[in-house]
Amino acid sequence: MSTSRIDDLRIVDPVLTSIAQGFENSSYIAEKLFPTVKVSKLKGKIPVFGKDAFVIRATERAIRASSNRIMPSDFEMITFNTQERDIETAIDYLEEEESPDYFRYEQRVTKNLVDILKLGKEKEAADLAQNENNYSVDMYDTLTSDTAFSNYESITNPLDILKDAMNTVRNKISRYPNTMVIGISAFDKLMNHPMLTELVKYSGLAKLNKNILEQILNIDEIHVGTAVYSADGEVFSDVWADNVILAYVDKTPKQKRSEYNPSFGYTLQRDGKPEIDTYYENGGKLKVIRNTDNYGVFITSGDAAYLIKNTVQ
């Protein structure tokens, strides 16, 4: 069967696509809060989980006893839509002739395109997670100047604020949060707070760091948001502001992960994405490399996370 003209002009590059799908940037942490699940369609339904989905059930059965029957999990289905995003750049054939290693040059261009889309995804996820309107009124707290992490004269211990938030999540879903996401400005103030540094000093531990804080809070993972963005290329702002999100997140390995596993949220990404394709313009003098992704970021259980805002004042 002959291919169409469009098929002849547009070529999916499997090598560059593989690079795009495997590319990671340590500055981006959205995946830690909204793990990716692959979907085959642009539109579908996903569950929104209630409290029952997180409860650990009694499953032991005595000899000749009845089975442990429960009611179906209490969740409703909502419709999701994924959205295509793409970005491209053109390389002149003269650049190809002058480059000592053109393939490595293409790799660099590809990683730059992937980084652009990943930053957009990071910003989208951060905006979703840091918006108090996505939480019930008892699942977020806006700190005052008296309780802010940056107020080193305060009598309020930041650890108490964090532990209270963790207990609130547990009271809602019967499980403690297993993931903490914190903006770099909040993290820096927390690491230098006198109440925490004194605790570490008298415990005979080394200097306070992220790993020690994980042990103190008894939480599986802490991820610090360091990514920045700019609307004009001149003024840069933190993607993750001076906020903290404490969430229960699905930790199932990626290949076994499902949107039916209870979790604060997910990124639903089309199968095969991201994808790199190439085509030519200007009579073949310009080779265009294009990166295409298709995804949507969703909160599937607002009660599975607690938001602490304005920690630095």
Protein backbone atom coordinates (compact mmCIF):
# COMPACT_ATOMS: atom_id res chain seq x y z
CA MET A 1 0.00 0.00 0.00
CA SER A 2 1.41 3.37 -0.99
CA THR A 3 1.77 6.08 1.59
CA SER A 4 0.15 9.47 1.28
CA ARG A 5 2.10 12.63 0.58
CA ILE A 6 1.71 13.68 4.20
CA ASP A 7 3.16 10.35 5.35
CA ASP A 8 6.11 10.90 3.05
CA LEU A 9 6.73 14.40 4.38
CA ARG A 10 6.17 13.72 8.09
CA ILE A 11 8.42 11.07 9.64
CA VAL A 12 8.22 9.91 13.24
CA ASP A 13 11.81 9.55 14.43
CA PRO A 14 12.00 6.47 16.72
CA VAL A 15 15.45 7.35 18.07
CA LEU A 16 14.60 10.92 18.99
CA THR A 17 11.20 9.78 20.30
CA SER A 18 13.00 7.31 22.57
CA ILE A 19 15.20 10.13 23.85
CA ALA A 20 12.13 12.29 24.46
CA GLN A 21 10.27 9.55 26.34
CA GLY A 22 13.27 8.78 28.54
CA PHE A 23 14.35 12.36 29.21
CA GLU A 24 14.17 13.49 32.85
CA ASN A 25 14.94 16.84 34.43
CA SER A 26 15.63 16.65 38.17
CA SER A 27 14.12 20.11 38.64
CA TYR A 28 10.67 18.81 37.73
CA ILE A 29 8.68 17.05 40.44
CA ALA A 30 5.08 17.10 39.15
CA GLU A 31 5.34 13.36 38.44
CA LYS A 32 5.86 12.77 42.19
CA LEU A 33 2.49 14.33 42.98
CA PHE A 34 0.58 13.40 39.82
CA PRO A 35 2.03 10.06 38.63
CA THR A 36 1.54 9.29 34.94
CA VAL A 37 -0.96 6.73 33.70
CA LYS A 38 -1.12 5.94 29.99
CA VAL A 39 -4.51 6.12 28.25
CA SER A 40 -5.51 5.09 24.74
CA LYS A 41 -8.13 7.77 24.06
CA LEU A 42 -8.43 11.55 24.17
CA LYS A 43 -11.56 11.33 26.26
CA GLY A 44 -12.84 8.91 28.88
CA LYS A 45 -13.85 8.50 32.50
CA ILE A 46 -11.77 8.25 35.65
CA PRO A 47 -12.85 7.60 39.24
CA VAL A 48 -12.98 10.27 41.92
CA PHE A 49 -12.24 8.50 45.18
CA GLY A 50 -14.08 8.88 48.46
CA LYS A 51 -12.85 7.83 51.88
CA ASP A 52 -13.77 4.17 51.48
CA ALA A 53 -11.19 3.70 48.74
CA PHE A 54 -8.33 4.21 51.21
CA VAL A 55 -9.58 1.99 54.05
CA ILE A 56 -7.59 -1.16 54.86
CA ARG A 57 -10.12 -3.98 55.19
CA ALA A 58 -10.23 -7.04 57.43
CA THR A 59 -9.68 -10.01 55.11
CA GLU A 60 -8.98 -12.99 57.38
CA ARG A 61 -11.64 -15.71 57.27
CA ALA A 62 -12.13 -18.50 59.78
CA ILE A 63 -12.87 -22.05 58.69
CA ARG A 64 -16.46 -22.36 57.38
CA ALA A 65 -17.07 -18.66 58.02
CA SER A 66 -18.67 -16.37 55.48
CA SER A 67 -16.50 -14.29 53.16
CA ASN A 68 -15.71 -10.70 54.08
CA ARG A 69 -18.22 -8.96 51.84
CA ILE A 70 -18.08 -5.19 51.49
CA MET A 71 -20.05 -2.66 49.52
CA PRO A 72 -18.46 -1.45 46.26
CA SER A 73 -15.98 1.39 46.75
CA ASP A 74 -17.57 4.80 47.07
CA PHE A 75 -16.36 6.71 44.02
CA GLU A 76 -17.97 8.54 41.18
CA MET A 77 -16.77 8.78 37.61
CA ILE A 78 -15.85 12.04 35.94
CA THR A 79 -15.07 12.70 32.30
CA PHE A 80 -11.48 13.53 31.37
CA ASN A 81 -10.09 15.14 28.25
CA THR A 82 -6.43 15.14 27.35
CA GLN A 83 -4.99 18.07 25.41
CA GLU A 84 -2.30 18.08 22.74
CA ARG A 85 0.74 20.29 23.23
CA ASP A 86 3.51 20.71 20.72
CA ILE A 87 6.63 22.78 20.06
CA GLU A 88 9.01 22.76 17.09
CA THR A 89 12.21 24.28 15.80
CA ALA A 90 13.85 24.42 12.37
CA ILE A 91 17.46 23.55 11.50
CA ASP A 92 19.03 24.91 8.32
CA TYR A 93 20.84 22.39 6.14
CA LEU A 94 23.95 24.59 6.43
CA GLU A 95 23.96 23.92 10.20
CA GLU A 96 23.93 20.22 9.45
CA GLU A 97 26.92 20.58 7.15
CA GLU A 98 28.88 22.63 9.69
CA SER A 99 28.09 20.48 12.74
CA PRO A 100 30.90 17.99 13.59
CA ASP A 101 28.33 15.59 15.05
CA TYR A 102 24.90 16.34 13.66
CA PHE A 103 23.16 13.53 15.54
CA ARG A 104 24.32 14.92 18.88
CA TYR A 105 23.13 18.33 17.75
CA GLU A 106 19.70 16.86 17.00
CA GLN A 107 19.70 15.23 20.43
CA ARG A 108 20.40 18.58 22.08
CA VAL A 109 17.61 20.23 20.09
CA THR A 110 15.23 17.40 21.01
CA LYS A 111 16.00 17.63 24.72
CA ASN A 112 15.42 21.38 24.61
CA LEU A 113 11.99 20.85 23.02
CA VAL A 114 11.12 18.19 25.59
CA ASP A 115 12.24 20.46 28.41
CA ILE A 116 9.90 23.21 27.18
CA LEU A 117 6.85 20.93 27.29
CA LYS A 118 7.87 19.41 30.61
CA LEU A 119 8.15 22.88 32.15
CA GLY A 120 4.64 23.62 30.93
CA LYS A 121 3.40 20.40 32.51
CA GLU A 122 5.21 21.25 35.75
CA LYS A 123 3.56 24.68 35.87
CA GLU A 124 0.13 23.24 35.13
CA ALA A 125 0.45 20.64 37.90
CA ALA A 126 1.83 23.19 40.37
CA ASP A 127 -1.00 25.64 39.69
CA LEU A 128 -3.54 22.85 40.24
CA ALA A 129 -1.98 21.61 43.49
CA GLN A 130 -1.37 25.08 44.95
CA ASN A 131 -4.89 26.41 44.33
CA GLU A 132 -6.88 26.33 47.59
CA ASN A 133 -10.11 26.29 45.57
CA ASN A 134 -9.31 22.66 44.71
CA TYR A 135 -9.48 21.69 48.40
CA SER A 136 -12.29 21.64 50.93
CA VAL A 137 -12.04 24.37 53.58
CA ASP A 138 -10.66 21.97 56.20
CA MET A 139 -7.88 20.69 53.93
CA TYR A 140 -5.78 23.84 53.55
CA ASP A 141 -4.29 26.49 55.79
CA THR A 142 -2.93 29.94 55.01
CA LEU A 143 -0.23 30.87 57.49
CA THR A 144 -0.01 34.29 59.11
CA SER A 145 3.08 36.32 59.93
CA ASP A 146 2.97 34.79 63.43
CA THR A 147 3.11 31.20 62.20
CA ALA A 148 5.12 31.53 58.97
CA PHE A 149 8.23 29.36 58.60
CA SER A 150 10.24 32.54 58.06
CA ASN A 151 9.35 33.93 61.49
CA TYR A 152 12.21 32.62 63.58
CA GLU A 153 10.90 34.44 66.65
CA SER A 154 7.58 32.62 66.57
CA ILE A 155 6.62 30.23 69.36
CA THR A 156 4.93 27.99 66.77
CA ASN A 157 7.00 24.99 65.73
CA PRO A 158 6.79 24.35 61.95
CA LEU A 159 6.94 20.62 62.67
CA ASP A 160 3.66 20.92 64.57
CA ILE A 161 2.06 22.58 61.57
CA LEU A 162 3.28 19.82 59.26
CA LYS A 163 2.28 17.01 61.62
CA ASP A 164 -1.16 18.53 62.18
CA ALA A 165 -1.64 18.59 58.41
CA MET A 166 -0.57 14.95 58.14
CA ASN A 167 -3.00 13.97 60.88
CA THR A 168 -5.79 15.84 59.12
CA VAL A 169 -5.21 13.77 55.98
CA ARG A 170 -5.14 10.58 58.04
CA ASN A 171 -8.42 11.50 59.71
CA LYS A 172 -9.96 11.99 56.28
CA ILE A 173 -8.74 8.87 54.44
CA SER A 174 -7.36 6.64 57.24
CA ARG A 175 -3.81 6.86 55.83
CA TYR A 176 -0.97 9.27 56.42
CA PRO A 177 0.43 11.22 53.48
CA ASN A 178 3.41 9.49 51.89
CA THR A 179 4.63 12.45 49.83
CA MET A 180 5.53 16.03 50.64
CA VAL A 181 6.10 18.65 47.94
CA ILE A 182 7.56 21.96 49.09
CA GLY A 183 8.70 25.07 47.26
CA ILE A 184 12.38 25.95 47.49
CA SER A 185 11.76 29.20 49.39
CA ALA A 186 9.73 27.38 52.05
CA PHE A 187 12.27 24.56 52.21
CA ASP A 188 15.19 26.94 52.75
CA LYS A 189 13.41 28.68 55.64
CA LEU A 190 12.45 25.34 57.16
CA MET A 191 16.01 23.98 56.99
CA ASN A 192 17.29 27.00 58.91
CA HIS A 193 14.50 27.32 61.45
CA PRO A 194 16.00 27.44 64.99
CA MET A 195 13.51 24.92 66.38
CA LEU A 196 14.55 22.35 63.79
CA THR A 197 18.28 23.03 63.89
CA GLU A 198 18.23 22.76 67.69
CA LEU A 199 16.38 19.46 67.45
CA VAL A 200 19.03 18.07 65.14
CA LYS A 201 21.93 19.46 67.19
CA TYR A 202 20.81 17.80 70.40
CA SER A 203 20.04 14.54 68.64
CA GLY A 204 23.65 14.11 67.59
CA LEU A 205 22.69 14.12 63.92
CA ALA A 206 24.44 15.84 61.06
CA LYS A 207 23.22 19.11 59.58
CA LEU A 208 19.51 19.12 58.86
CA ASN A 209 18.67 18.01 55.32
CA LYS A 210 15.81 16.55 53.32
CA ASN A 211 16.54 12.95 54.31
CA ILE A 212 16.61 13.77 58.02
CA LEU A 213 13.36 15.72 57.69
CA GLU A 214 11.78 12.63 56.10
CA GLN A 215 12.81 10.65 59.17
CA ILE A 216 11.56 13.29 61.60
CA LEU A 217 8.16 13.47 59.91
CA ASN A 218 8.08 9.73 59.16
CA ILE A 219 7.10 10.40 55.56
CA ASP A 220 8.29 8.36 52.59
CA GLU A 221 9.38 11.14 50.23
CA ILE A 222 10.01 14.88 50.28
CA HIS A 223 10.44 16.65 46.96
CA VAL A 224 11.65 20.22 46.68
CA GLY A 225 10.34 22.32 43.80
CA THR A 226 13.19 24.30 42.23
CA ALA A 227 11.86 24.92 38.70
CA VAL A 228 11.40 28.52 37.56
CA TYR A 229 9.46 30.06 34.71
CA SER A 230 9.23 33.39 32.93
CA ALA A 231 6.51 34.94 30.82
CA ASP A 232 8.87 37.43 29.15
CA GLY A 233 12.32 35.85 29.42
CA GLU A 234 13.44 38.59 31.78
CA VAL A 235 11.69 38.12 35.15
CA PHE A 236 11.73 34.61 36.64
CA SER A 237 9.44 33.18 39.32
CA ASP A 238 9.27 29.90 41.19
CA VAL A 239 6.87 27.33 39.75
CA TRP A 240 6.33 26.01 43.28
CA ALA A 241 5.76 28.99 45.55
CA ASP A 242 6.27 29.13 49.33
CA ASN A 243 3.73 26.34 49.82
CA VAL A 244 3.67 22.77 51.10
CA ILE A 245 1.49 19.92 49.85
CA LEU A 246 1.24 16.76 51.95
CA ALA A 247 -0.43 14.05 49.90
CA TYR A 248 -1.13 10.36 49.65
CA VAL A 249 0.14 9.35 46.20
CA ASP A 250 -0.04 6.02 44.41
CA LYS A 251 3.43 4.44 44.49
CA THR A 252 2.65 1.48 42.25
CA PRO A 253 5.41 0.89 39.66
CA LYS A 254 4.68 2.73 36.42
CA GLN A 255 4.11 -0.40 34.34
CA LYS A 256 1.45 -1.65 36.80
CA ARG A 257 -0.11 1.71 37.65
CA SER A 258 -3.81 2.37 37.08
CA GLU A 259 -6.08 5.37 37.52
CA TYR A 260 -8.26 3.03 39.58
CA ASN A 261 -5.67 3.03 42.38
CA PRO A 262 -6.59 5.60 45.07
CA SER A 263 -4.32 8.65 44.86
CA PHE A 264 -4.42 12.42 45.25
CA GLY A 265 -4.16 12.80 41.49
CA TYR A 266 -2.82 11.55 38.17
CA THR A 267 -1.41 12.73 34.87
CA LEU A 268 -3.25 10.92 32.08
CA GLN A 269 -0.99 10.73 29.03
CA ARG A 270 -1.79 9.33 25.59
CA ASP A 271 0.00 6.14 24.60
CA GLY A 272 3.13 6.77 22.56
CA LYS A 273 3.63 10.30 23.78
CA PRO A 274 5.78 12.32 23.81
CA GLU A 275 6.62 11.82 20.14
CA ILE A 276 9.26 13.43 17.92
CA ASP A 277 8.57 13.82 14.23
CA THR A 278 10.42 15.68 11.48
CA TYR A 279 9.51 17.27 8.17
CA TYR A 280 11.14 19.61 5.64
CA GLU A 281 10.36 23.13 4.51
CA ASN A 282 11.75 25.67 2.02
CA GLY A 283 12.56 23.09 -0.61
CA GLY A 284 14.36 20.87 1.88
CA LYS A 285 16.66 23.57 3.22
CA LEU A 286 14.97 23.56 6.64
CA LYS A 287 14.50 20.42 8.70
CA VAL A 288 11.79 20.90 11.34
CA ILE A 289 11.96 18.86 14.54
CA ARG A 290 8.69 18.78 16.45
CA ASN A 291 7.84 17.47 19.91
CA THR A 292 4.22 16.51 20.57
CA ASP A 293 2.70 15.49 23.89
CA ASN A 294 -0.91 14.86 24.88
CA TYR A 295 -2.02 14.74 28.51
CA GLY A 296 -4.25 16.09 31.25
CA VAL A 297 -3.49 16.61 34.96
CA PHE A 298 -6.30 15.78 37.39
CA ILE A 299 -7.02 15.67 41.13
CA THR A 300 -8.87 12.44 41.87
CA SER A 301 -9.15 12.75 45.67
CA GLY A 302 -8.98 16.20 47.22
CA ASP A 303 -9.22 14.69 50.71
CA ALA A 304 -5.94 12.84 50.12
CA ALA A 305 -3.86 16.03 50.41
CA TYR A 306 -3.43 19.08 52.61
CA LEU A 307 -2.17 22.43 51.36
CA ILE A 308 -0.18 24.87 53.53
CA LYS A 309 0.15 28.30 51.91
CA ASN A 310 2.21 31.46 52.49
CA THR A 311 4.93 29.91 54.64
CA VAL A 312 7.40 32.73 53.91
CA GLN A 313 6.44 36.30 54.87
